[in-house]
Amino acid sequence: MIRITENNDWVVYCILGSIFIYIILLSVFQRDANIKDFLTQKIEDSNNLTPSWLIISIVRCVMLSLLLSQFVPVIPKIFSEIKFFGYQINKFGFTLMSVIIFDIIRNMLTFFFYSSIGSGKNLKGLTLVSSKFYFLESIALIIAGFTLYFYPIDLVKYFYFIIGLVVGSFVLKNLIYIFHNQTILPEKWYYKFLYICTLQIVPTLVLWKFLFY
């Protein structure tokens, strides 16, 4: 049998591109801050919070899609039939599109939720804390993605590792939101419960079901 070598150059481009973007983020948007300075930054000292959050979110979406796309079973027919200049959407493109749309919808709903209950002042704190968490999470995803594509591993066992990584990251994120010394969630307990259930747990389950149905 002839074994065809898989071309993973695009993976290298994604990883190196993400690292390069983070270097620009710290040197330009965070004024030559190092990783420690960025992670210990207080809300009153935060610089370019919105563009930093946007850049980190995009890198996270790319790296999460890079990791999950290898395990997506099939592309729904409605998406596989879409063509751009003669090219069809592959599993990575389908996963990336799904994750980005998921993030956009969840962030819009979060904004409307906070605004409707009078907790709009907490959005800045939520943005800063989530930026720091997603920054670290995306670094872990970069390492996991590099291992997946360039090391001989058991894909079945690694998939369970990815599930554990995603679940552990999700639980840790919400614990940080709840117990953070800054008020980043709504003050009333039932609003906190509503936010975590409807804008954290439910959307994540929907995305997982959509990708791995």
N, C-alpha and C. Protein backbone atom coordinates (compact mmCIF):
# COMPACT_ATOMS: atom_id res chain seq x y z
N MET A 1 0.84 -1.20 0.00
CA MET A 1 0.00 0.00 0.00
C MET A 1 0.87 1.25 0.00
N ILE A 2 0.43 2.27 -0.72
CA ILE A 2 1.17 3.53 -0.78
C ILE A 2 0.56 4.48 0.25
N ARG A 3 1.40 4.98 1.12
CA ARG A 3 0.94 5.91 2.16
C ARG A 3 1.18 7.35 1.67
N ILE A 4 0.11 8.11 1.58
CA ILE A 4 0.20 9.50 1.13
C ILE A 4 0.48 10.39 2.34
N THR A 5 1.56 11.14 2.27
CA THR A 5 1.92 12.03 3.37
C THR A 5 0.94 13.19 3.45
N GLU A 6 0.41 13.40 4.64
CA GLU A 6 -0.56 14.47 4.84
C GLU A 6 0.15 15.81 4.87
N ASN A 7 -0.39 16.78 4.15
CA ASN A 7 0.19 18.11 4.12
C ASN A 7 -0.42 18.96 5.23
N ASN A 8 0.39 19.25 6.23
CA ASN A 8 -0.09 20.03 7.37
C ASN A 8 0.52 21.43 7.40
N ASP A 9 0.92 21.93 6.24
CA ASP A 9 1.50 23.27 6.21
C ASP A 9 0.52 24.32 6.71
N TRP A 10 -0.76 24.14 6.38
CA TRP A 10 -1.76 25.11 6.81
C TRP A 10 -1.88 25.16 8.33
N VAL A 11 -1.61 24.03 9.00
CA VAL A 11 -1.62 24.01 10.46
C VAL A 11 -0.48 24.87 11.00
N VAL A 12 0.68 24.72 10.39
CA VAL A 12 1.84 25.53 10.80
C VAL A 12 1.54 27.01 10.62
N TYR A 13 0.90 27.36 9.50
CA TYR A 13 0.57 28.76 9.25
C TYR A 13 -0.40 29.30 10.31
N CYS A 14 -1.38 28.47 10.68
CA CYS A 14 -2.34 28.89 11.70
C CYS A 14 -1.66 29.10 13.04
N ILE A 15 -0.80 28.18 13.43
CA ILE A 15 -0.13 28.27 14.73
C ILE A 15 0.84 29.44 14.75
N LEU A 16 1.69 29.54 13.74
CA LEU A 16 2.65 30.65 13.69
C LEU A 16 1.94 31.99 13.57
N GLY A 17 0.86 32.02 12.80
CA GLY A 17 0.08 33.25 12.68
C GLY A 17 -0.52 33.67 14.02
N SER A 18 -1.04 32.72 14.77
CA SER A 18 -1.61 33.02 16.09
C SER A 18 -0.55 33.55 17.04
N ILE A 19 0.63 32.92 17.04
CA ILE A 19 1.72 33.39 17.90
C ILE A 19 2.16 34.80 17.51
N PHE A 20 2.27 35.03 16.20
CA PHE A 20 2.67 36.35 15.72
C PHE A 20 1.64 37.41 16.10
N ILE A 21 0.37 37.09 16.00
CA ILE A 21 -0.70 38.02 16.38
C ILE A 21 -0.63 38.34 17.87
N TYR A 22 -0.32 37.36 18.68
CA TYR A 22 -0.19 37.61 20.12
C TYR A 22 1.01 38.49 20.44
N ILE A 23 2.08 38.33 19.68
CA ILE A 23 3.24 39.21 19.86
C ILE A 23 2.85 40.66 19.55
N ILE A 24 2.10 40.86 18.47
CA ILE A 24 1.62 42.19 18.13
C ILE A 24 0.67 42.72 19.20
N LEU A 25 -0.20 41.84 19.70
CA LEU A 25 -1.15 42.23 20.74
C LEU A 25 -0.43 42.79 21.96
N LEU A 26 0.59 42.08 22.42
CA LEU A 26 1.30 42.51 23.63
C LEU A 26 2.18 43.73 23.38
N SER A 27 2.79 43.80 22.20
CA SER A 27 3.72 44.90 21.94
C SER A 27 3.03 46.19 21.52
N VAL A 28 1.92 46.07 20.79
CA VAL A 28 1.23 47.26 20.28
C VAL A 28 0.02 47.62 21.12
N PHE A 29 -0.93 46.71 21.23
CA PHE A 29 -2.18 47.01 21.92
C PHE A 29 -2.00 47.07 23.44
N GLN A 30 -1.03 46.32 23.97
CA GLN A 30 -0.78 46.32 25.41
C GLN A 30 0.50 47.08 25.78
N ARG A 31 1.03 47.85 24.85
CA ARG A 31 2.16 48.75 25.10
C ARG A 31 3.37 48.03 25.66
N ASP A 32 3.84 47.04 24.90
CA ASP A 32 5.05 46.29 25.25
C ASP A 32 4.95 45.56 26.59
N ALA A 33 3.76 45.13 26.94
CA ALA A 33 3.57 44.36 28.17
C ALA A 33 3.99 42.91 27.93
N ASN A 34 4.49 42.26 28.97
CA ASN A 34 4.75 40.83 28.86
C ASN A 34 3.50 40.07 29.30
N ILE A 35 3.57 38.76 29.24
CA ILE A 35 2.39 37.96 29.57
C ILE A 35 1.96 38.16 31.02
N LYS A 36 2.93 38.24 31.93
CA LYS A 36 2.62 38.43 33.35
C LYS A 36 1.92 39.76 33.57
N ASP A 37 2.41 40.82 32.92
CA ASP A 37 1.78 42.14 33.07
C ASP A 37 0.35 42.12 32.55
N PHE A 38 0.14 41.44 31.45
CA PHE A 38 -1.21 41.38 30.88
C PHE A 38 -2.16 40.62 31.80
N LEU A 39 -1.71 39.50 32.34
CA LEU A 39 -2.57 38.68 33.17
C LEU A 39 -2.86 39.30 34.53
N THR A 40 -1.97 40.16 35.01
CA THR A 40 -2.17 40.82 36.31
C THR A 40 -2.73 42.22 36.17
N GLN A 41 -3.07 42.59 34.97
CA GLN A 41 -3.58 43.94 34.70
C GLN A 41 -4.93 44.16 35.38
N LYS A 42 -5.08 45.31 36.02
CA LYS A 42 -6.33 45.66 36.67
C LYS A 42 -7.23 46.38 35.68
N ILE A 43 -8.50 46.39 35.99
CA ILE A 43 -9.48 46.92 35.05
C ILE A 43 -9.26 48.40 34.78
N GLU A 44 -8.84 49.15 35.81
CA GLU A 44 -8.63 50.58 35.61
C GLU A 44 -7.37 50.87 34.79
N ASP A 45 -6.49 49.89 34.68
CA ASP A 45 -5.25 50.06 33.91
C ASP A 45 -5.32 49.39 32.55
N SER A 46 -6.45 48.82 32.19
CA SER A 46 -6.56 48.06 30.95
C SER A 46 -6.47 48.98 29.75
N ASN A 47 -5.72 48.55 28.74
CA ASN A 47 -5.52 49.32 27.51
C ASN A 47 -6.15 48.59 26.32
N ASN A 48 -6.84 49.36 25.48
CA ASN A 48 -7.41 48.79 24.25
C ASN A 48 -8.15 47.48 24.53
N LEU A 49 -9.05 47.54 25.49
CA LEU A 49 -9.71 46.33 25.97
C LEU A 49 -10.52 45.64 24.87
N THR A 50 -11.32 46.41 24.14
CA THR A 50 -12.19 45.81 23.13
C THR A 50 -11.41 45.17 21.97
N PRO A 51 -10.43 45.88 21.36
CA PRO A 51 -9.67 45.22 20.29
C PRO A 51 -8.84 44.03 20.79
N SER A 52 -8.33 44.12 22.03
CA SER A 52 -7.57 42.99 22.59
C SER A 52 -8.47 41.78 22.75
N TRP A 53 -9.67 42.01 23.28
CA TRP A 53 -10.62 40.92 23.46
C TRP A 53 -11.02 40.31 22.11
N LEU A 54 -11.19 41.17 21.11
CA LEU A 54 -11.58 40.69 19.79
C LEU A 54 -10.48 39.84 19.16
N ILE A 55 -9.23 40.29 19.28
CA ILE A 55 -8.10 39.54 18.72
C ILE A 55 -7.96 38.19 19.41
N ILE A 56 -8.04 38.19 20.73
CA ILE A 56 -7.90 36.94 21.49
C ILE A 56 -9.04 35.98 21.14
N SER A 57 -10.24 36.49 20.99
CA SER A 57 -11.39 35.64 20.66
C SER A 57 -11.21 35.00 19.29
N ILE A 58 -10.69 35.75 18.32
CA ILE A 58 -10.48 35.20 16.98
C ILE A 58 -9.43 34.10 17.01
N VAL A 59 -8.32 34.36 17.70
CA VAL A 59 -7.27 33.34 17.81
C VAL A 59 -7.82 32.09 18.49
N ARG A 60 -8.58 32.27 19.53
CA ARG A 60 -9.17 31.12 20.23
C ARG A 60 -10.09 30.33 19.30
N CYS A 61 -10.92 31.03 18.52
CA CYS A 61 -11.83 30.35 17.59
C CYS A 61 -11.04 29.54 16.57
N VAL A 62 -9.98 30.11 16.04
CA VAL A 62 -9.17 29.42 15.04
C VAL A 62 -8.52 28.18 15.62
N MET A 63 -7.92 28.31 16.81
CA MET A 63 -7.21 27.18 17.40
C MET A 63 -8.18 26.10 17.89
N LEU A 64 -9.33 26.50 18.40
CA LEU A 64 -10.33 25.52 18.82
C LEU A 64 -10.87 24.76 17.60
N SER A 65 -11.07 25.47 16.50
CA SER A 65 -11.54 24.81 15.28
C SER A 65 -10.48 23.89 14.71
N LEU A 66 -9.22 24.31 14.79
CA LEU A 66 -8.11 23.48 14.33
C LEU A 66 -8.09 22.15 15.07
N LEU A 67 -8.41 22.20 16.35
CA LEU A 67 -8.37 21.01 17.19
C LEU A 67 -9.60 20.12 16.97
N LEU A 68 -10.78 20.74 16.97
CA LEU A 68 -12.01 19.96 16.89
C LEU A 68 -12.30 19.42 15.50
N SER A 69 -11.82 20.12 14.47
CA SER A 69 -12.18 19.73 13.10
C SER A 69 -11.69 18.33 12.74
N GLN A 70 -10.63 17.86 13.38
CA GLN A 70 -10.13 16.52 13.10
C GLN A 70 -11.08 15.43 13.57
N PHE A 71 -12.01 15.79 14.46
CA PHE A 71 -12.90 14.79 15.04
C PHE A 71 -14.36 14.97 14.60
N VAL A 72 -14.63 16.02 13.84
CA VAL A 72 -16.00 16.23 13.33
C VAL A 72 -16.32 15.10 12.35
N PRO A 73 -17.40 14.35 12.58
CA PRO A 73 -17.69 13.16 11.75
C PRO A 73 -18.02 13.48 10.30
N VAL A 74 -18.96 14.40 10.09
CA VAL A 74 -19.38 14.74 8.72
C VAL A 74 -19.74 16.22 8.65
N ILE A 75 -19.71 16.74 7.44
CA ILE A 75 -20.19 18.10 7.19
C ILE A 75 -21.63 17.99 6.70
N PRO A 76 -22.58 18.67 7.33
CA PRO A 76 -23.96 18.62 6.84
C PRO A 76 -24.05 18.97 5.37
N LYS A 77 -24.95 18.31 4.68
CA LYS A 77 -25.07 18.46 3.22
C LYS A 77 -25.32 19.90 2.82
N ILE A 78 -26.08 20.63 3.63
CA ILE A 78 -26.39 22.02 3.29
C ILE A 78 -25.14 22.88 3.24
N PHE A 79 -24.10 22.50 3.99
CA PHE A 79 -22.85 23.24 3.99
C PHE A 79 -21.86 22.67 2.97
N SER A 80 -21.87 21.36 2.80
CA SER A 80 -20.92 20.73 1.88
C SER A 80 -21.19 21.11 0.43
N GLU A 81 -22.42 21.54 0.14
CA GLU A 81 -22.77 21.91 -1.23
C GLU A 81 -22.41 23.35 -1.55
N ILE A 82 -22.03 24.12 -0.52
CA ILE A 82 -21.65 25.52 -0.74
C ILE A 82 -20.25 25.56 -1.37
N LYS A 83 -20.10 26.37 -2.40
CA LYS A 83 -18.81 26.49 -3.07
C LYS A 83 -18.41 27.96 -3.20
N PHE A 84 -17.13 28.24 -2.94
CA PHE A 84 -16.57 29.56 -3.13
C PHE A 84 -15.46 29.47 -4.18
N PHE A 85 -15.71 30.06 -5.36
CA PHE A 85 -14.73 30.05 -6.44
C PHE A 85 -14.25 28.63 -6.76
N GLY A 86 -15.20 27.69 -6.70
CA GLY A 86 -14.88 26.31 -7.03
C GLY A 86 -14.40 25.47 -5.87
N TYR A 87 -14.25 26.07 -4.69
CA TYR A 87 -13.78 25.34 -3.51
C TYR A 87 -14.94 25.03 -2.57
N GLN A 88 -14.94 23.81 -2.03
CA GLN A 88 -15.96 23.42 -1.07
C GLN A 88 -15.45 23.63 0.36
N ILE A 89 -16.38 23.76 1.29
CA ILE A 89 -16.02 23.93 2.69
C ILE A 89 -15.54 22.59 3.24
N ASN A 90 -14.36 22.57 3.82
CA ASN A 90 -13.86 21.35 4.46
C ASN A 90 -14.24 21.34 5.93
N LYS A 91 -13.78 20.34 6.66
CA LYS A 91 -14.16 20.22 8.07
C LYS A 91 -13.65 21.39 8.91
N PHE A 92 -12.45 21.85 8.60
CA PHE A 92 -11.92 22.99 9.35
C PHE A 92 -12.75 24.25 9.10
N GLY A 93 -13.09 24.50 7.84
CA GLY A 93 -13.90 25.66 7.51
C GLY A 93 -15.28 25.59 8.15
N PHE A 94 -15.88 24.41 8.11
CA PHE A 94 -17.19 24.22 8.72
C PHE A 94 -17.13 24.44 10.23
N THR A 95 -16.10 23.89 10.88
CA THR A 95 -15.97 24.05 12.33
C THR A 95 -15.70 25.50 12.70
N LEU A 96 -14.81 26.16 11.95
CA LEU A 96 -14.49 27.56 12.23
C LEU A 96 -15.71 28.44 12.06
N MET A 97 -16.46 28.23 11.00
CA MET A 97 -17.67 29.02 10.77
C MET A 97 -18.68 28.81 11.91
N SER A 98 -18.83 27.57 12.36
CA SER A 98 -19.77 27.26 13.43
C SER A 98 -19.35 27.92 14.74
N VAL A 99 -18.06 27.83 15.06
CA VAL A 99 -17.56 28.39 16.32
C VAL A 99 -17.68 29.91 16.32
N ILE A 100 -17.36 30.56 15.19
CA ILE A 100 -17.43 32.02 15.12
C ILE A 100 -18.88 32.50 15.24
N ILE A 101 -19.79 31.85 14.51
CA ILE A 101 -21.21 32.23 14.60
C ILE A 101 -21.72 32.02 16.03
N PHE A 102 -21.31 30.91 16.65
CA PHE A 102 -21.69 30.63 18.03
C PHE A 102 -21.20 31.75 18.95
N ASP A 103 -19.96 32.18 18.79
CA ASP A 103 -19.41 33.23 19.64
C ASP A 103 -20.11 34.56 19.43
N ILE A 104 -20.39 34.89 18.17
CA ILE A 104 -21.06 36.16 17.88
C ILE A 104 -22.44 36.21 18.52
N ILE A 105 -23.21 35.14 18.34
CA ILE A 105 -24.57 35.10 18.90
C ILE A 105 -24.53 35.15 20.42
N ARG A 106 -23.63 34.37 21.03
CA ARG A 106 -23.56 34.36 22.49
C ARG A 106 -23.15 35.72 23.04
N ASN A 107 -22.21 36.38 22.40
CA ASN A 107 -21.76 37.69 22.88
C ASN A 107 -22.84 38.75 22.71
N MET A 108 -23.59 38.67 21.62
CA MET A 108 -24.70 39.61 21.44
C MET A 108 -25.76 39.40 22.51
N LEU A 109 -26.09 38.15 22.78
CA LEU A 109 -27.09 37.86 23.81
C LEU A 109 -26.59 38.27 25.19
N THR A 110 -25.28 38.11 25.44
CA THR A 110 -24.72 38.54 26.71
C THR A 110 -24.86 40.05 26.89
N PHE A 111 -24.57 40.79 25.82
CA PHE A 111 -24.70 42.25 25.88
C PHE A 111 -26.14 42.65 26.17
N PHE A 112 -27.09 42.06 25.46
CA PHE A 112 -28.50 42.40 25.67
C PHE A 112 -28.96 41.98 27.06
N PHE A 113 -28.47 40.84 27.54
CA PHE A 113 -28.86 40.36 28.87
C PHE A 113 -28.37 41.32 29.95
N TYR A 114 -27.11 41.70 29.89
CA TYR A 114 -26.55 42.62 30.88
C TYR A 114 -27.24 43.98 30.83
N SER A 115 -27.52 44.44 29.62
CA SER A 115 -28.17 45.75 29.48
C SER A 115 -29.60 45.71 30.00
N SER A 116 -30.30 44.62 29.78
CA SER A 116 -31.71 44.54 30.18
C SER A 116 -31.89 44.46 31.69
N ILE A 117 -30.90 43.96 32.42
CA ILE A 117 -31.02 43.84 33.88
C ILE A 117 -30.25 44.93 34.61
N GLY A 118 -29.74 45.90 33.89
CA GLY A 118 -29.06 47.03 34.51
C GLY A 118 -27.66 46.72 35.02
N SER A 119 -26.99 45.72 34.44
CA SER A 119 -25.63 45.36 34.87
C SER A 119 -24.59 45.67 33.78
N GLY A 120 -24.91 46.64 32.94
CA GLY A 120 -24.00 46.99 31.86
C GLY A 120 -22.62 47.42 32.35
N LYS A 121 -22.56 47.97 33.56
CA LYS A 121 -21.27 48.41 34.11
C LYS A 121 -20.33 47.24 34.37
N ASN A 122 -20.87 46.03 34.49
CA ASN A 122 -20.04 44.85 34.75
C ASN A 122 -19.45 44.24 33.48
N LEU A 123 -19.89 44.72 32.32
CA LEU A 123 -19.42 44.14 31.07
C LEU A 123 -17.92 44.36 30.85
N LYS A 124 -17.41 45.51 31.30
CA LYS A 124 -15.99 45.78 31.12
C LYS A 124 -15.15 44.78 31.92
N GLY A 125 -15.57 44.51 33.15
CA GLY A 125 -14.87 43.53 33.97
C GLY A 125 -14.95 42.13 33.37
N LEU A 126 -16.13 41.78 32.85
CA LEU A 126 -16.31 40.47 32.22
C LEU A 126 -15.41 40.35 30.98
N THR A 127 -15.32 41.42 30.21
CA THR A 127 -14.48 41.41 29.01
C THR A 127 -13.01 41.22 29.36
N LEU A 128 -12.55 41.92 30.40
CA LEU A 128 -11.14 41.81 30.80
C LEU A 128 -10.81 40.41 31.31
N VAL A 129 -11.66 39.89 32.20
CA VAL A 129 -11.40 38.56 32.78
C VAL A 129 -11.48 37.48 31.71
N SER A 130 -12.47 37.57 30.83
CA SER A 130 -12.59 36.57 29.77
C SER A 130 -11.42 36.65 28.80
N SER A 131 -10.91 37.86 28.55
CA SER A 131 -9.75 38.01 27.67
C SER A 131 -8.53 37.29 28.24
N LYS A 132 -8.30 37.48 29.54
CA LYS A 132 -7.16 36.81 30.18
C LYS A 132 -7.32 35.29 30.14
N PHE A 133 -8.53 34.83 30.43
CA PHE A 133 -8.76 33.38 30.45
C PHE A 133 -8.62 32.80 29.05
N TYR A 134 -9.23 33.44 28.05
CA TYR A 134 -9.14 32.92 26.68
C TYR A 134 -7.72 33.00 26.14
N PHE A 135 -6.94 33.96 26.60
CA PHE A 135 -5.54 34.05 26.20
C PHE A 135 -4.78 32.80 26.64
N LEU A 136 -4.94 32.43 27.91
CA LEU A 136 -4.28 31.23 28.41
C LEU A 136 -4.85 29.96 27.77
N GLU A 137 -6.17 29.95 27.59
CA GLU A 137 -6.80 28.78 26.98
C GLU A 137 -6.31 28.58 25.55
N SER A 138 -6.16 29.67 24.80
CA SER A 138 -5.71 29.55 23.42
C SER A 138 -4.27 29.06 23.34
N ILE A 139 -3.45 29.43 24.31
CA ILE A 139 -2.08 28.90 24.35
C ILE A 139 -2.10 27.39 24.55
N ALA A 140 -2.98 26.93 25.46
CA ALA A 140 -3.13 25.49 25.67
C ALA A 140 -3.64 24.80 24.41
N LEU A 141 -4.53 25.48 23.68
CA LEU A 141 -5.06 24.91 22.43
C LEU A 141 -3.98 24.85 21.36
N ILE A 142 -3.09 25.84 21.32
CA ILE A 142 -1.98 25.82 20.37
C ILE A 142 -1.09 24.60 20.61
N ILE A 143 -0.77 24.36 21.88
CA ILE A 143 0.06 23.21 22.24
C ILE A 143 -0.65 21.90 21.89
N ALA A 144 -1.95 21.83 22.22
CA ALA A 144 -2.72 20.62 21.94
C ALA A 144 -2.85 20.38 20.44
N GLY A 145 -3.05 21.46 19.67
CA GLY A 145 -3.16 21.34 18.22
C GLY A 145 -1.85 20.89 17.58
N PHE A 146 -0.74 21.43 18.04
CA PHE A 146 0.57 21.03 17.52
C PHE A 146 0.82 19.55 17.81
N THR A 147 0.47 19.11 19.00
CA THR A 147 0.64 17.70 19.37
C THR A 147 -0.22 16.79 18.50
N LEU A 148 -1.45 17.24 18.23
CA LEU A 148 -2.38 16.43 17.45
C LEU A 148 -1.88 16.19 16.03
N TYR A 149 -1.35 17.22 15.39
CA TYR A 149 -1.00 17.13 13.98
C TYR A 149 0.43 16.64 13.72
N PHE A 150 1.31 16.76 14.70
CA PHE A 150 2.72 16.49 14.42
C PHE A 150 3.34 15.41 15.32
N TYR A 151 2.53 14.74 16.12
CA TYR A 151 3.03 13.64 16.93
C TYR A 151 2.18 12.40 16.71
N PRO A 152 2.78 11.22 16.69
CA PRO A 152 2.00 9.98 16.50
C PRO A 152 1.25 9.62 17.78
N ILE A 153 -0.03 9.90 17.81
CA ILE A 153 -0.84 9.66 18.99
C ILE A 153 -2.07 8.84 18.62
N ASP A 154 -2.66 8.23 19.63
CA ASP A 154 -3.91 7.49 19.46
C ASP A 154 -5.05 8.50 19.41
N LEU A 155 -5.71 8.62 18.25
CA LEU A 155 -6.73 9.65 18.08
C LEU A 155 -7.92 9.44 19.00
N VAL A 156 -8.27 8.19 19.27
CA VAL A 156 -9.42 7.93 20.14
C VAL A 156 -9.12 8.41 21.56
N LYS A 157 -7.96 8.04 22.07
CA LYS A 157 -7.58 8.49 23.42
C LYS A 157 -7.42 10.00 23.46
N TYR A 158 -6.88 10.56 22.38
CA TYR A 158 -6.67 12.01 22.37
C TYR A 158 -7.99 12.76 22.31
N PHE A 159 -8.99 12.16 21.66
CA PHE A 159 -10.31 12.79 21.62
C PHE A 159 -10.89 12.89 23.03
N TYR A 160 -10.73 11.84 23.82
CA TYR A 160 -11.20 11.91 25.20
C TYR A 160 -10.41 12.95 26.00
N PHE A 161 -9.14 13.09 25.67
CA PHE A 161 -8.34 14.13 26.32
C PHE A 161 -8.87 15.52 25.95
N ILE A 162 -9.24 15.70 24.68
CA ILE A 162 -9.79 16.98 24.23
C ILE A 162 -11.11 17.27 24.95
N ILE A 163 -11.94 16.24 25.09
CA ILE A 163 -13.20 16.42 25.82
C ILE A 163 -12.92 16.88 27.24
N GLY A 164 -11.96 16.22 27.90
CA GLY A 164 -11.60 16.60 29.26
C GLY A 164 -11.06 18.02 29.32
N LEU A 165 -10.26 18.39 28.32
CA LEU A 165 -9.70 19.74 28.27
C LEU A 165 -10.80 20.79 28.12
N VAL A 166 -11.74 20.53 27.21
CA VAL A 166 -12.82 21.49 26.97
C VAL A 166 -13.73 21.60 28.18
N VAL A 167 -14.10 20.46 28.76
CA VAL A 167 -14.98 20.48 29.94
C VAL A 167 -14.29 21.13 31.13
N GLY A 168 -13.03 20.77 31.36
CA GLY A 168 -12.29 21.36 32.47
C GLY A 168 -12.13 22.86 32.31
N SER A 169 -11.85 23.30 31.09
CA SER A 169 -11.71 24.73 30.82
C SER A 169 -13.03 25.45 31.03
N PHE A 170 -14.11 24.83 30.60
CA PHE A 170 -15.44 25.43 30.76
C PHE A 170 -15.80 25.59 32.24
N VAL A 171 -15.57 24.55 33.03
CA VAL A 171 -15.89 24.60 34.46
C VAL A 171 -15.02 25.63 35.17
N LEU A 172 -13.73 25.64 34.85
CA LEU A 172 -12.81 26.59 35.47
C LEU A 172 -13.20 28.03 35.15
N LYS A 173 -13.58 28.27 33.92
CA LYS A 173 -13.98 29.62 33.51
C LYS A 173 -15.16 30.12 34.32
N ASN A 174 -16.17 29.29 34.49
CA ASN A 174 -17.35 29.72 35.22
C ASN A 174 -17.09 29.86 36.71
N LEU A 175 -16.19 29.05 37.25
CA LEU A 175 -15.81 29.22 38.66
C LEU A 175 -15.09 30.55 38.86
N ILE A 176 -14.24 30.90 37.91
CA ILE A 176 -13.55 32.19 37.98
C ILE A 176 -14.56 33.33 37.91
N TYR A 177 -15.53 33.20 37.01
CA TYR A 177 -16.56 34.23 36.90
C TYR A 177 -17.32 34.40 38.23
N ILE A 178 -17.63 33.29 38.87
CA ILE A 178 -18.44 33.34 40.08
C ILE A 178 -17.66 33.89 41.27
N PHE A 179 -16.41 33.43 41.43
CA PHE A 179 -15.66 33.75 42.64
C PHE A 179 -14.61 34.84 42.45
N HIS A 180 -14.62 35.50 41.32
CA HIS A 180 -13.63 36.57 41.09
C HIS A 180 -13.88 37.72 42.06
N ASN A 181 -12.79 38.36 42.51
CA ASN A 181 -12.93 39.44 43.49
C ASN A 181 -13.57 40.69 42.90
N GLN A 182 -13.56 40.82 41.56
CA GLN A 182 -14.30 41.89 40.92
C GLN A 182 -15.70 41.42 40.58
N THR A 183 -16.65 42.33 40.60
CA THR A 183 -18.02 41.99 40.26
C THR A 183 -18.17 41.97 38.75
N ILE A 184 -18.14 40.78 38.17
CA ILE A 184 -18.25 40.68 36.72
C ILE A 184 -19.55 40.00 36.29
N LEU A 185 -20.19 39.30 37.21
CA LEU A 185 -21.51 38.72 36.93
C LEU A 185 -22.57 39.61 37.56
N PRO A 186 -23.83 39.48 37.14
CA PRO A 186 -24.90 40.25 37.79
C PRO A 186 -24.90 40.02 39.30
N GLU A 187 -25.29 41.02 40.04
CA GLU A 187 -25.22 40.95 41.50
C GLU A 187 -26.19 39.95 42.10
N LYS A 188 -27.40 39.87 41.60
CA LYS A 188 -28.40 38.97 42.16
C LYS A 188 -28.10 37.53 41.75
N TRP A 189 -28.27 36.62 42.70
CA TRP A 189 -27.86 35.23 42.49
C TRP A 189 -28.65 34.57 41.36
N TYR A 190 -29.94 34.91 41.23
CA TYR A 190 -30.74 34.24 40.20
C TYR A 190 -30.36 34.72 38.80
N TYR A 191 -29.85 35.95 38.69
CA TYR A 191 -29.33 36.41 37.41
C TYR A 191 -28.02 35.70 37.06
N LYS A 192 -27.21 35.46 38.08
CA LYS A 192 -25.97 34.69 37.85
C LYS A 192 -26.30 33.29 37.36
N PHE A 193 -27.27 32.67 38.03
CA PHE A 193 -27.68 31.32 37.65
C PHE A 193 -28.25 31.32 36.23
N LEU A 194 -29.06 32.34 35.90
CA LEU A 194 -29.66 32.43 34.57
C LEU A 194 -28.58 32.63 33.51
N TYR A 195 -27.59 33.47 33.80
CA TYR A 195 -26.52 33.73 32.84
C TYR A 195 -25.71 32.46 32.56
N ILE A 196 -25.31 31.77 33.61
CA ILE A 196 -24.47 30.58 33.44
C ILE A 196 -25.23 29.47 32.71
N CYS A 197 -26.50 29.31 33.02
CA CYS A 197 -27.28 28.24 32.39
C CYS A 197 -27.62 28.55 30.94
N THR A 198 -28.13 29.77 30.70
CA THR A 198 -28.66 30.08 29.36
C THR A 198 -27.60 30.62 28.39
N LEU A 199 -26.55 31.25 28.91
CA LEU A 199 -25.56 31.86 28.02
C LEU A 199 -24.19 31.20 28.10
N GLN A 200 -24.06 30.17 28.93
CA GLN A 200 -22.81 29.43 29.00
C GLN A 200 -23.04 27.94 28.71
N ILE A 201 -23.86 27.31 29.52
CA ILE A 201 -24.05 25.86 29.41
C ILE A 201 -24.84 25.49 28.15
N VAL A 202 -26.02 26.07 28.00
CA VAL A 202 -26.90 25.70 26.88
C VAL A 202 -26.25 25.95 25.51
N PRO A 203 -25.68 27.14 25.24
CA PRO A 203 -25.06 27.35 23.93
C PRO A 203 -23.91 26.39 23.65
N THR A 204 -23.12 26.06 24.68
CA THR A 204 -22.01 25.14 24.49
C THR A 204 -22.51 23.74 24.11
N LEU A 205 -23.57 23.30 24.77
CA LEU A 205 -24.16 22.00 24.45
C LEU A 205 -24.74 22.00 23.04
N VAL A 206 -25.35 23.10 22.64
CA VAL A 206 -25.91 23.21 21.29
C VAL A 206 -24.81 23.14 20.25
N LEU A 207 -23.71 23.86 20.48
CA LEU A 207 -22.58 23.82 19.54
C LEU A 207 -21.99 22.42 19.44
N TRP A 208 -21.81 21.78 20.58
CA TRP A 208 -21.25 20.42 20.59
C TRP A 208 -22.16 19.46 19.84
N LYS A 209 -23.46 19.59 20.06
CA LYS A 209 -24.42 18.73 19.38
C LYS A 209 -24.40 18.99 17.88
N PHE A 210 -24.26 20.25 17.50
CA PHE A 210 -24.25 20.62 16.09
C PHE A 210 -23.03 20.06 15.37
N LEU A 211 -21.88 20.07 16.03
CA LEU A 211 -20.65 19.59 15.42
C LEU A 211 -20.54 18.07 15.42
N PHE A 212 -21.06 17.42 16.47
CA PHE A 212 -20.86 15.98 16.64
C PHE A 212 -22.18 15.22 16.70
N TYR A 213 -23.14 15.66 15.91
CA TYR A 213 -24.44 14.99 15.94
C TYR A 213 -24.35 13.61 15.33
